[in-house]
Amino acid sequence: MKPNLHPDYHPVVFRDANTGTSFLTRSTVQSDRTTEWDDGSTYPLVVVDVSSDSHPFWTGTQRRVDTAGRVEKFERRYGKRTRKEV
């Protein structure tokens, strides 16, 4: 890689604000906060609102949309469609 061209790529700890779960990974993000990891080293800390640990899609708590209610609402608003005979 060319020197002074790419951003600094270093280990960073991301913490989920909802669950408190932490992930150690590498990133170019900068942070003033730090935390001590299990290995005794200190890493920059970035707190995120949503991660795979708290996102509804990954946790299985995703809401299901009532499709029957949507169809009925459409038919009330625009009328029931009938098929054309050919």
PDB file of N, CA and C in Angstrom:
ATOM      1  N   MET A   1       0.834  -1.178   0.000  1.00  0.00           N
ATOM      2  CA  MET A   1       0.000   0.000   0.000  1.00  0.00           C
ATOM      3  C   MET A   1       0.879   1.242   0.000  1.00  0.00           C
ATOM      4  N   LYS A   2       0.361   2.275  -0.623  1.00  0.00           N
ATOM      5  CA  LYS A   2       1.105   3.522  -0.665  1.00  0.00           C
ATOM      6  C   LYS A   2       1.061   4.201   0.705  1.00  0.00           C
ATOM      7  N   PRO A   3       2.174   4.756   1.158  1.00  0.00           N
ATOM      8  CA  PRO A   3       2.174   5.434   2.455  1.00  0.00           C
ATOM      9  C   PRO A   3       1.377   6.742   2.402  1.00  0.00           C
ATOM     10  N   ASN A   4       0.778   7.099   3.531  1.00  0.00           N
ATOM     11  CA  ASN A   4       0.009   8.340   3.704  1.00  0.00           C
ATOM     12  C   ASN A   4      -1.186   8.469   2.765  1.00  0.00           C
ATOM     13  N   LEU A   5      -1.717   7.346   2.272  1.00  0.00           N
ATOM     14  CA  LEU A   5      -2.868   7.380   1.389  1.00  0.00           C
ATOM     15  C   LEU A   5      -4.099   6.769   2.060  1.00  0.00           C
ATOM     16  N   HIS A   6      -3.906   5.674   2.756  1.00  0.00           N
ATOM     17  CA  HIS A   6      -5.011   4.949   3.362  1.00  0.00           C
ATOM     18  C   HIS A   6      -5.200   5.349   4.817  1.00  0.00           C
ATOM     19  N   PRO A   7      -6.442   5.319   5.316  1.00  0.00           N
ATOM     20  CA  PRO A   7      -6.675   5.639   6.728  1.00  0.00           C
ATOM     21  C   PRO A   7      -6.112   4.549   7.638  1.00  0.00           C
ATOM     22  N   ASP A   8      -5.899   4.895   8.890  1.00  0.00           N
ATOM     23  CA  ASP A   8      -5.377   3.959   9.882  1.00  0.00           C
ATOM     24  C   ASP A   8      -6.415   2.867  10.160  1.00  0.00           C
ATOM     25  N   TYR A   9      -6.045   1.622   9.959  1.00  0.00           N
ATOM     26  CA  TYR A   9      -6.914   0.457  10.147  1.00  0.00           C
ATOM     27  C   TYR A   9      -6.432  -0.261  11.394  1.00  0.00           C
ATOM     28  N   HIS A  10      -7.230  -0.241  12.461  1.00  0.00           N
ATOM     29  CA  HIS A  10      -6.771  -0.729  13.755  1.00  0.00           C
ATOM     30  C   HIS A  10      -7.891  -1.471  14.489  1.00  0.00           C
ATOM     31  N   PRO A  11      -7.545  -2.232  15.545  1.00  0.00           N
ATOM     32  CA  PRO A  11      -8.577  -2.922  16.334  1.00  0.00           C
ATOM     33  C   PRO A  11      -9.457  -1.917  17.077  1.00  0.00           C
ATOM     34  N   VAL A  12     -10.769  -2.201  17.088  1.00  0.00           N
ATOM     35  CA  VAL A  12     -11.756  -1.348  17.752  1.00  0.00           C
ATOM     36  C   VAL A  12     -12.795  -2.241  18.409  1.00  0.00           C
ATOM     37  N   VAL A  13     -13.284  -1.832  19.581  1.00  0.00           N
ATOM     38  CA  VAL A  13     -14.361  -2.549  20.256  1.00  0.00           C
ATOM     39  C   VAL A  13     -15.664  -1.803  19.989  1.00  0.00           C
ATOM     40  N   PHE A  14     -16.669  -2.515  19.445  1.00  0.00           N
ATOM     41  CA  PHE A  14     -18.004  -1.964  19.247  1.00  0.00           C
ATOM     42  C   PHE A  14     -18.900  -2.541  20.331  1.00  0.00           C
ATOM     43  N   ARG A  15     -19.648  -1.676  21.031  1.00  0.00           N
ATOM     44  CA  ARG A  15     -20.555  -2.123  22.089  1.00  0.00           C
ATOM     45  C   ARG A  15     -21.986  -1.751  21.708  1.00  0.00           C
ATOM     46  N   ASP A  16     -22.886  -2.732  21.800  1.00  0.00           N
ATOM     47  CA  ASP A  16     -24.302  -2.514  21.526  1.00  0.00           C
ATOM     48  C   ASP A  16     -24.913  -1.789  22.722  1.00  0.00           C
ATOM     49  N   ALA A  17     -25.538  -0.637  22.487  1.00  0.00           N
ATOM     50  CA  ALA A  17     -26.112   0.153  23.572  1.00  0.00           C
ATOM     51  C   ALA A  17     -27.318  -0.532  24.210  1.00  0.00           C
ATOM     52  N   ASN A  18     -28.025  -1.380  23.461  1.00  0.00           N
ATOM     53  CA  ASN A  18     -29.216  -2.037  23.995  1.00  0.00           C
ATOM     54  C   ASN A  18     -28.899  -3.262  24.835  1.00  0.00           C
ATOM     55  N   THR A  19     -27.969  -4.090  24.377  1.00  0.00           N
ATOM     56  CA  THR A  19     -27.692  -5.352  25.070  1.00  0.00           C
ATOM     57  C   THR A  19     -26.394  -5.335  25.861  1.00  0.00           C
ATOM     58  N   GLY A  20     -25.498  -4.414  25.563  1.00  0.00           N
ATOM     59  CA  GLY A  20     -24.218  -4.363  26.259  1.00  0.00           C
ATOM     60  C   GLY A  20     -23.185  -5.327  25.704  1.00  0.00           C
ATOM     61  N   THR A  21     -23.527  -6.057  24.651  1.00  0.00           N
ATOM     62  CA  THR A  21     -22.602  -6.997  24.044  1.00  0.00           C
ATOM     63  C   THR A  21     -21.507  -6.244  23.305  1.00  0.00           C
ATOM     64  N   SER A  22     -20.269  -6.711  23.432  1.00  0.00           N
ATOM     65  CA  SER A  22     -19.134  -6.058  22.782  1.00  0.00           C
ATOM     66  C   SER A  22     -18.519  -6.972  21.737  1.00  0.00           C
ATOM     67  N   PHE A  23     -18.024  -6.352  20.654  1.00  0.00           N
ATOM     68  CA  PHE A  23     -17.382  -7.068  19.567  1.00  0.00           C
ATOM     69  C   PHE A  23     -16.031  -6.428  19.297  1.00  0.00           C
ATOM     70  N   LEU A  24     -14.993  -7.226  19.234  1.00  0.00           N
ATOM     71  CA  LEU A  24     -13.663  -6.727  18.869  1.00  0.00           C
ATOM     72  C   LEU A  24     -13.445  -7.023  17.401  1.00  0.00           C
ATOM     73  N   THR A  25     -13.194  -5.984  16.639  1.00  0.00           N
ATOM     74  CA  THR A  25     -12.955  -6.127  15.209  1.00  0.00           C
ATOM     75  C   THR A  25     -11.991  -5.041  14.776  1.00  0.00           C
ATOM     76  N   ARG A  26     -11.757  -4.918  13.485  1.00  0.00           N
ATOM     77  CA  ARG A  26     -10.859  -3.875  12.979  1.00  0.00           C
ATOM     78  C   ARG A  26     -11.681  -2.867  12.194  1.00  0.00           C
ATOM     79  N   SER A  27     -11.287  -1.599  12.286  1.00  0.00           N
ATOM     80  CA  SER A  27     -12.022  -0.541  11.613  1.00  0.00           C
ATOM     81  C   SER A  27     -11.139   0.690  11.456  1.00  0.00           C
ATOM     82  N   THR A  28     -11.605   1.641  10.667  1.00  0.00           N
ATOM     83  CA  THR A  28     -10.908   2.912  10.512  1.00  0.00           C
ATOM     84  C   THR A  28     -11.546   4.005  11.364  1.00  0.00           C
ATOM     85  N   VAL A  29     -12.615   3.678  12.079  1.00  0.00           N
ATOM     86  CA  VAL A  29     -13.329   4.668  12.886  1.00  0.00           C
ATOM     87  C   VAL A  29     -12.455   5.126  14.065  1.00  0.00           C
ATOM     88  N   GLN A  30     -12.563   6.403  14.398  1.00  0.00           N
ATOM     89  CA  GLN A  30     -11.804   6.979  15.503  1.00  0.00           C
ATOM     90  C   GLN A  30     -12.739   7.214  16.695  1.00  0.00           C
ATOM     91  N   SER A  31     -12.226   7.099  17.903  1.00  0.00           N
ATOM     92  CA  SER A  31     -13.024   7.321  19.096  1.00  0.00           C
ATOM     93  C   SER A  31     -12.144   7.851  20.219  1.00  0.00           C
ATOM     94  N   ASP A  32     -12.724   8.739  21.031  1.00  0.00           N
ATOM     95  CA  ASP A  32     -12.016   9.262  22.200  1.00  0.00           C
ATOM     96  C   ASP A  32     -12.159   8.337  23.405  1.00  0.00           C
ATOM     97  N   ARG A  33     -13.184   7.481  23.384  1.00  0.00           N
ATOM     98  CA  ARG A  33     -13.429   6.558  24.495  1.00  0.00           C
ATOM     99  C   ARG A  33     -12.593   5.299  24.316  1.00  0.00           C
ATOM    100  N   THR A  34     -12.201   4.687  25.429  1.00  0.00           N
ATOM    101  CA  THR A  34     -11.442   3.434  25.382  1.00  0.00           C
ATOM    102  C   THR A  34     -12.039   2.436  26.358  1.00  0.00           C
ATOM    103  N   THR A  35     -11.708   1.173  26.172  1.00  0.00           N
ATOM    104  CA  THR A  35     -12.139   0.121  27.071  1.00  0.00           C
ATOM    105  C   THR A  35     -11.064  -0.950  27.123  1.00  0.00           C
ATOM    106  N   GLU A  36     -11.031  -1.674  28.212  1.00  0.00           N
ATOM    107  CA  GLU A  36     -10.074  -2.770  28.351  1.00  0.00           C
ATOM    108  C   GLU A  36     -10.752  -4.060  27.921  1.00  0.00           C
ATOM    109  N   TRP A  37     -10.123  -4.793  27.037  1.00  0.00           N
ATOM    110  CA  TRP A  37     -10.667  -6.045  26.507  1.00  0.00           C
ATOM    111  C   TRP A  37     -10.197  -7.207  27.365  1.00  0.00           C
ATOM    112  N   ASP A  38     -10.704  -8.407  27.105  1.00  0.00           N
ATOM    113  CA  ASP A  38     -10.393  -9.601  27.889  1.00  0.00           C
ATOM    114  C   ASP A  38      -8.910  -9.942  27.893  1.00  0.00           C
ATOM    115  N   ASP A  39      -8.193  -9.574  26.847  1.00  0.00           N
ATOM    116  CA  ASP A  39      -6.770  -9.896  26.771  1.00  0.00           C
ATOM    117  C   ASP A  39      -5.894  -8.907  27.541  1.00  0.00           C
ATOM    118  N   GLY A  40      -6.507  -7.924  28.200  1.00  0.00           N
ATOM    119  CA  GLY A  40      -5.763  -6.951  28.988  1.00  0.00           C
ATOM    120  C   GLY A  40      -5.333  -5.722  28.213  1.00  0.00           C
ATOM    121  N   SER A  41      -5.551  -5.699  26.914  1.00  0.00           N
ATOM    122  CA  SER A  41      -5.197  -4.543  26.091  1.00  0.00           C
ATOM    123  C   SER A  41      -6.316  -3.511  26.103  1.00  0.00           C
ATOM    124  N   THR A  42      -5.964  -2.265  25.853  1.00  0.00           N
ATOM    125  CA  THR A  42      -6.931  -1.177  25.786  1.00  0.00           C
ATOM    126  C   THR A  42      -7.167  -0.821  24.331  1.00  0.00           C
ATOM    127  N   TYR A  43      -8.453  -0.754  23.951  1.00  0.00           N
ATOM    128  CA  TYR A  43      -8.835  -0.466  22.578  1.00  0.00           C
ATOM    129  C   TYR A  43      -9.820   0.698  22.547  1.00  0.00           C
ATOM    130  N   PRO A  44      -9.916   1.406  21.412  1.00  0.00           N
ATOM    131  CA  PRO A  44     -10.944   2.442  21.267  1.00  0.00           C
ATOM    132  C   PRO A  44     -12.333   1.802  21.352  1.00  0.00           C
ATOM    133  N   LEU A  45     -13.295   2.511  21.943  1.00  0.00           N
ATOM    134  CA  LEU A  45     -14.652   2.009  22.120  1.00  0.00           C
ATOM    135  C   LEU A  45     -15.617   2.849  21.309  1.00  0.00           C
ATOM    136  N   VAL A  46     -16.468   2.179  20.521  1.00  0.00           N
ATOM    137  CA  VAL A  46     -17.531   2.834  19.767  1.00  0.00           C
ATOM    138  C   VAL A  46     -18.845   2.189  20.192  1.00  0.00           C
ATOM    139  N   VAL A  47     -19.781   2.998  20.691  1.00  0.00           N
ATOM    140  CA  VAL A  47     -21.089   2.502  21.112  1.00  0.00           C
ATOM    141  C   VAL A  47     -22.057   2.685  19.950  1.00  0.00           C
ATOM    142  N   VAL A  48     -22.725   1.593  19.555  1.00  0.00           N
ATOM    143  CA  VAL A  48     -23.681   1.625  18.452  1.00  0.00           C
ATOM    144  C   VAL A  48     -25.083   1.350  18.981  1.00  0.00           C
ATOM    145  N   ASP A  49     -26.096   1.901  18.302  1.00  0.00           N
ATOM    146  CA  ASP A  49     -27.481   1.717  18.729  1.00  0.00           C
ATOM    147  C   ASP A  49     -27.987   0.310  18.440  1.00  0.00           C
ATOM    148  N   VAL A  50     -27.638  -0.221  17.279  1.00  0.00           N
ATOM    149  CA  VAL A  50     -28.142  -1.529  16.857  1.00  0.00           C
ATOM    150  C   VAL A  50     -26.986  -2.354  16.303  1.00  0.00           C
ATOM    151  N   SER A  51     -26.931  -3.609  16.698  1.00  0.00           N
ATOM    152  CA  SER A  51     -25.968  -4.546  16.127  1.00  0.00           C
ATOM    153  C   SER A  51     -26.705  -5.847  15.831  1.00  0.00           C
ATOM    154  N   SER A  52     -26.006  -6.849  15.371  1.00  0.00           N
ATOM    155  CA  SER A  52     -26.649  -8.134  15.088  1.00  0.00           C
ATOM    156  C   SER A  52     -27.195  -8.773  16.361  1.00  0.00           C
ATOM    157  N   ASP A  53     -26.714  -8.346  17.515  1.00  0.00           N
ATOM    158  CA  ASP A  53     -27.181  -8.896  18.788  1.00  0.00           C
ATOM    159  C   ASP A  53     -28.535  -8.339  19.207  1.00  0.00           C
ATOM    160  N   SER A  54     -28.926  -7.170  18.689  1.00  0.00           N
ATOM    161  CA  SER A  54     -30.193  -6.574  19.099  1.00  0.00           C
ATOM    162  C   SER A  54     -31.134  -6.260  17.944  1.00  0.00           C
ATOM    163  N   HIS A  55     -30.716  -6.459  16.689  1.00  0.00           N
ATOM    164  CA  HIS A  55     -31.571  -6.144  15.554  1.00  0.00           C
ATOM    165  C   HIS A  55     -32.701  -7.162  15.452  1.00  0.00           C
ATOM    166  N   PRO A  56     -33.946  -6.711  15.251  1.00  0.00           N
ATOM    167  CA  PRO A  56     -35.086  -7.633  15.212  1.00  0.00           C
ATOM    168  C   PRO A  56     -34.960  -8.743  14.171  1.00  0.00           C
ATOM    169  N   PHE A  57     -34.341  -8.469  13.049  1.00  0.00           N
ATOM    170  CA  PHE A  57     -34.206  -9.509  12.023  1.00  0.00           C
ATOM    171  C   PHE A  57     -33.349 -10.660  12.529  1.00  0.00           C
ATOM    172  N   TRP A  58     -32.258 -10.361  13.209  1.00  0.00           N
ATOM    173  CA  TRP A  58     -31.330 -11.393  13.661  1.00  0.00           C
ATOM    174  C   TRP A  58     -31.771 -12.056  14.955  1.00  0.00           C
ATOM    175  N   THR A  59     -32.589 -11.388  15.759  1.00  0.00           N
ATOM    176  CA  THR A  59     -33.021 -11.971  17.023  1.00  0.00           C
ATOM    177  C   THR A  59     -34.309 -12.765  16.892  1.00  0.00           C
ATOM    178  N   GLY A  60     -34.996 -12.645  15.749  1.00  0.00           N
ATOM    179  CA  GLY A  60     -36.230 -13.397  15.541  1.00  0.00           C
ATOM    180  C   GLY A  60     -37.452 -12.706  16.106  1.00  0.00           C
ATOM    181  N   THR A  61     -37.346 -11.478  16.540  1.00  0.00           N
ATOM    182  CA  THR A  61     -38.479 -10.753  17.084  1.00  0.00           C
ATOM    183  C   THR A  61     -39.070  -9.779  16.071  1.00  0.00           C
ATOM    184  N   GLN A  62     -38.841 -10.044  14.800  1.00  0.00           N
ATOM    185  CA  GLN A  62     -39.310  -9.176  13.744  1.00  0.00           C
ATOM    186  C   GLN A  62     -40.842  -9.218  13.674  1.00  0.00           C
ATOM    187  N   ARG A  63     -41.452  -8.047  13.481  1.00  0.00           N
ATOM    188  CA  ARG A  63     -42.906  -7.977  13.385  1.00  0.00           C
ATOM    189  C   ARG A  63     -43.371  -8.543  12.047  1.00  0.00           C
ATOM    190  N   ARG A  64     -44.492  -9.196  12.073  1.00  0.00           N
ATOM    191  CA  ARG A  64     -45.114  -9.690  10.850  1.00  0.00           C
ATOM    192  C   ARG A  64     -46.272  -8.753  10.506  1.00  0.00           C
ATOM    193  N   VAL A  65     -46.392  -8.415   9.241  1.00  0.00           N
ATOM    194  CA  VAL A  65     -47.454  -7.528   8.790  1.00  0.00           C
ATOM    195  C   VAL A  65     -48.690  -8.355   8.474  1.00  0.00           C
ATOM    196  N   ASP A  66     -49.845  -7.873   8.909  1.00  0.00           N
ATOM    197  CA  ASP A  66     -51.107  -8.549   8.648  1.00  0.00           C
ATOM    198  C   ASP A  66     -51.503  -8.277   7.199  1.00  0.00           C
ATOM    199  N   THR A  67     -51.196  -9.212   6.296  1.00  0.00           N
ATOM    200  CA  THR A  67     -51.460  -8.991   4.877  1.00  0.00           C
ATOM    201  C   THR A  67     -52.944  -9.045   4.575  1.00  0.00           C
ATOM    202  N   ALA A  68     -53.706  -9.850   5.293  1.00  0.00           N
ATOM    203  CA  ALA A  68     -55.142  -9.915   5.045  1.00  0.00           C
ATOM    204  C   ALA A  68     -55.779  -8.564   5.351  1.00  0.00           C
ATOM    205  N   GLY A  69     -55.358  -7.918   6.399  1.00  0.00           N
ATOM    206  CA  GLY A  69     -55.884  -6.599   6.734  1.00  0.00           C
ATOM    207  C   GLY A  69     -55.528  -5.569   5.690  1.00  0.00           C
ATOM    208  N   ARG A  70     -54.387  -5.687   5.084  1.00  0.00           N
ATOM    209  CA  ARG A  70     -53.980  -4.748   4.034  1.00  0.00           C
ATOM    210  C   ARG A  70     -54.839  -4.918   2.788  1.00  0.00           C
ATOM    211  N   VAL A  71     -55.137  -6.159   2.437  1.00  0.00           N
ATOM    212  CA  VAL A  71     -55.965  -6.415   1.268  1.00  0.00           C
ATOM    213  C   VAL A  71     -57.358  -5.850   1.492  1.00  0.00           C
ATOM    214  N   GLU A  72     -57.923  -6.091   2.668  1.00  0.00           N
ATOM    215  CA  GLU A  72     -59.260  -5.566   2.985  1.00  0.00           C
ATOM    216  C   GLU A  72     -59.271  -4.047   2.969  1.00  0.00           C
ATOM    217  N   LYS A  73     -58.227  -3.432   3.466  1.00  0.00           N
ATOM    218  CA  LYS A  73     -58.141  -1.969   3.467  1.00  0.00           C
ATOM    219  C   LYS A  73     -58.079  -1.448   2.031  1.00  0.00           C
ATOM    220  N   PHE A  74     -57.316  -2.122   1.172  1.00  0.00           N
ATOM    221  CA  PHE A  74     -57.229  -1.738  -0.234  1.00  0.00           C
ATOM    222  C   PHE A  74     -58.593  -1.861  -0.904  1.00  0.00           C
ATOM    223  N   GLU A  75     -59.302  -2.980  -0.643  1.00  0.00           N
ATOM    224  CA  GLU A  75     -60.612  -3.188  -1.266  1.00  0.00           C
ATOM    225  C   GLU A  75     -61.640  -2.173  -0.773  1.00  0.00           C
ATOM    226  N   ARG A  76     -61.575  -1.791   0.495  1.00  0.00           N
ATOM    227  CA  ARG A  76     -62.483  -0.759   1.003  1.00  0.00           C
ATOM    228  C   ARG A  76     -62.202   0.581   0.336  1.00  0.00           C
ATOM    229  N   ARG A  77     -60.934   0.885   0.143  1.00  0.00           N
ATOM    230  CA  ARG A  77     -60.562   2.183  -0.412  1.00  0.00           C
ATOM    231  C   ARG A  77     -60.842   2.268  -1.918  1.00  0.00           C
ATOM    232  N   TYR A  78     -60.485   1.233  -2.669  1.00  0.00           N
ATOM    233  CA  TYR A  78     -60.562   1.299  -4.123  1.00  0.00           C
ATOM    234  C   TYR A  78     -61.631   0.384  -4.719  1.00  0.00           C
ATOM    235  N   GLY A  79     -62.318  -0.371  -3.906  1.00  0.00           N
ATOM    236  CA  GLY A  79     -63.332  -1.288  -4.414  1.00  0.00           C
ATOM    237  C   GLY A  79     -62.709  -2.608  -4.823  1.00  0.00           C
ATOM    238  N   LYS A  80     -63.561  -3.641  -4.833  1.00  0.00           N
ATOM    239  CA  LYS A  80     -63.054  -4.962  -5.179  1.00  0.00           C
ATOM    240  C   LYS A  80     -62.948  -5.058  -6.697  1.00  0.00           C
ATOM    241  N   ARG A  81     -61.826  -5.535  -7.177  1.00  0.00           N
ATOM    242  CA  ARG A  81     -61.588  -5.670  -8.624  1.00  0.00           C
ATOM    243  C   ARG A  81     -62.199  -6.986  -9.098  1.00  0.00           C
ATOM    244  N   THR A  82     -62.782  -6.975 -10.255  1.00  0.00           N
ATOM    245  CA  THR A  82     -63.314  -8.204 -10.839  1.00  0.00           C
ATOM    246  C   THR A  82     -62.533  -8.509 -12.106  1.00  0.00           C
ATOM    247  N   ARG A  83     -62.497  -9.787 -12.449  1.00  0.00           N
ATOM    248  CA  ARG A  83     -61.787 -10.201 -13.664  1.00  0.00           C
ATOM    249  C   ARG A  83     -62.643  -9.906 -14.879  1.00  0.00           C
ATOM    250  N   LYS A  84     -62.009  -9.486 -15.938  1.00  0.00           N
ATOM    251  CA  LYS A  84     -62.703  -9.263 -17.199  1.00  0.00           C
ATOM    252  C   LYS A  84     -62.850 -10.586 -17.912  1.00  0.00           C
ATOM    253  N   GLU A  85     -64.018 -10.815 -18.453  1.00  0.00           N
ATOM    254  CA  GLU A  85     -64.269 -12.026 -19.248  1.00  0.00           C
ATOM    255  C   GLU A  85     -63.837 -11.746 -20.677  1.00  0.00           C
ATOM    256  N   VAL A  86     -63.125 -12.637 -21.279  1.00  0.00           N
ATOM    257  CA  VAL A  86     -62.673 -12.474 -22.672  1.00  0.00           C
ATOM    258  C   VAL A  86     -63.436 -13.342 -23.613  1.00  0.00           C
TER     259      VAL A  86
END
